Protein backbone atom coordinates (compact mmCIF):
# COMPACT_ATOMS: atom_id res chain seq x y z
CA MET A 1 91.47 88.30 -56.10
CA ILE A 2 91.69 84.64 -57.20
CA PHE A 3 90.85 83.57 -53.65
CA HIS A 4 87.56 85.50 -53.82
CA VAL A 5 86.65 83.82 -57.12
CA PHE A 6 87.26 80.35 -55.67
CA ALA A 7 85.29 81.27 -52.55
CA ALA A 8 82.35 82.44 -54.65
CA LEU A 9 82.43 79.25 -56.74
CA SER A 10 82.58 77.13 -53.62
CA GLU A 11 79.62 78.94 -52.08
CA PHE A 12 77.64 78.56 -55.31
CA GLU A 13 78.38 74.82 -55.44
CA ARG A 14 77.40 74.41 -51.79
CA ASN A 15 74.06 76.12 -52.45
CA LEU A 16 73.42 73.79 -55.40
CA ILE A 17 74.12 70.76 -53.22
CA ARG A 18 71.80 72.08 -50.51
CA GLU A 19 68.99 72.66 -53.05
CA ARG A 20 69.37 69.16 -54.52
CA THR A 21 69.37 67.62 -51.06
CA GLN A 22 66.19 69.45 -50.08
CA ALA A 23 64.51 68.50 -53.36
CA GLY A 24 65.44 64.86 -52.80
CA LEU A 25 64.03 64.88 -49.26
CA VAL A 26 60.77 66.44 -50.46
CA ALA A 27 60.48 63.88 -53.26
CA ALA A 28 61.13 61.01 -50.84
CA ARG A 29 58.47 62.28 -48.44
CA ALA A 30 56.02 62.58 -51.34
CA ARG A 31 56.66 58.89 -52.11
CA GLY A 32 55.88 58.02 -48.49
CA ARG A 33 59.43 57.49 -47.28
CA ALA A 34 60.09 58.60 -43.73
CA GLY A 35 63.54 59.74 -42.72
CA GLY A 36 65.54 58.58 -39.77
CA ARG A 37 66.60 55.32 -38.29
CA LYS A 38 64.12 52.50 -37.83
CA PRO A 39 63.33 51.62 -34.21
CA LYS A 40 65.16 48.61 -32.77
CA LEU A 41 62.08 47.39 -30.90
CA ASP A 42 58.48 47.32 -32.10
CA ASP A 43 55.41 47.65 -29.86
CA LYS A 44 54.95 43.89 -29.54
CA GLN A 45 58.54 43.43 -28.40
CA VAL A 46 58.19 46.24 -25.85
CA ARG A 47 55.10 44.53 -24.39
CA GLU A 48 56.98 41.21 -24.24
CA ILE A 49 59.94 42.86 -22.54
CA LYS A 50 57.71 44.53 -19.95
CA ALA A 51 56.15 41.17 -19.18
CA LEU A 52 59.57 39.54 -18.83
CA LEU A 53 60.88 42.27 -16.56
CA ARG A 54 57.97 41.88 -14.15
CA ASP A 55 59.62 38.63 -13.05
CA PRO A 56 62.17 39.59 -10.36
CA ASP A 57 64.39 36.62 -11.29
CA ILE A 58 65.03 37.90 -14.83
CA HIS A 59 67.80 40.46 -15.23
CA VAL A 60 67.70 43.42 -17.59
CA ALA A 61 71.03 42.39 -19.12
CA ASP A 62 69.63 38.95 -19.99
CA VAL A 63 66.57 40.44 -21.70
CA ALA A 64 68.75 42.94 -23.56
CA ARG A 65 70.99 40.15 -24.81
CA ARG A 66 67.96 38.10 -25.90
CA TYR A 67 66.59 40.97 -28.00
CA GLY A 68 69.97 42.11 -29.29
CA VAL A 69 69.88 45.59 -27.78
CA SER A 70 71.71 47.39 -25.02
CA ARG A 71 70.34 47.88 -21.52
CA THR A 72 70.13 51.59 -22.25
CA THR A 73 67.86 50.91 -25.23
CA LEU A 74 65.62 48.76 -23.04
CA TYR A 75 65.33 51.47 -20.41
CA LYS A 76 64.62 54.04 -23.11
CA HIS A 77 61.73 52.03 -24.56
CA VAL A 78 60.41 50.38 -21.40
CA GLY A 79 61.37 52.66 -18.54
CA VAL A 80 61.57 51.26 -15.03
CA VAL A 81 59.31 48.25 -14.55
CA SER A 82 58.50 47.15 -11.03
CA PRO A 83 57.37 43.58 -10.32
CA ARG A 84 53.84 44.57 -9.26
CA GLN A 85 52.87 46.46 -12.44
């Protein structure tokens, strides 16, 4: 019997937390705040990286190190760049 009471209280508290979280997200969106992580590279940096990678003597790892990101992040934002693009 006592277990059921605690379970009901726990469920009630969880629902309150969920409602407050949703209300906070709605309020933040109304203030113009976007959720999620900010991108590591902006559009200007992506254009610069594409230009750098057109040079066959420059390695992806070197460009990634220069911009402080991983090679995977570069490939995600830039894709495969061939020298003649």
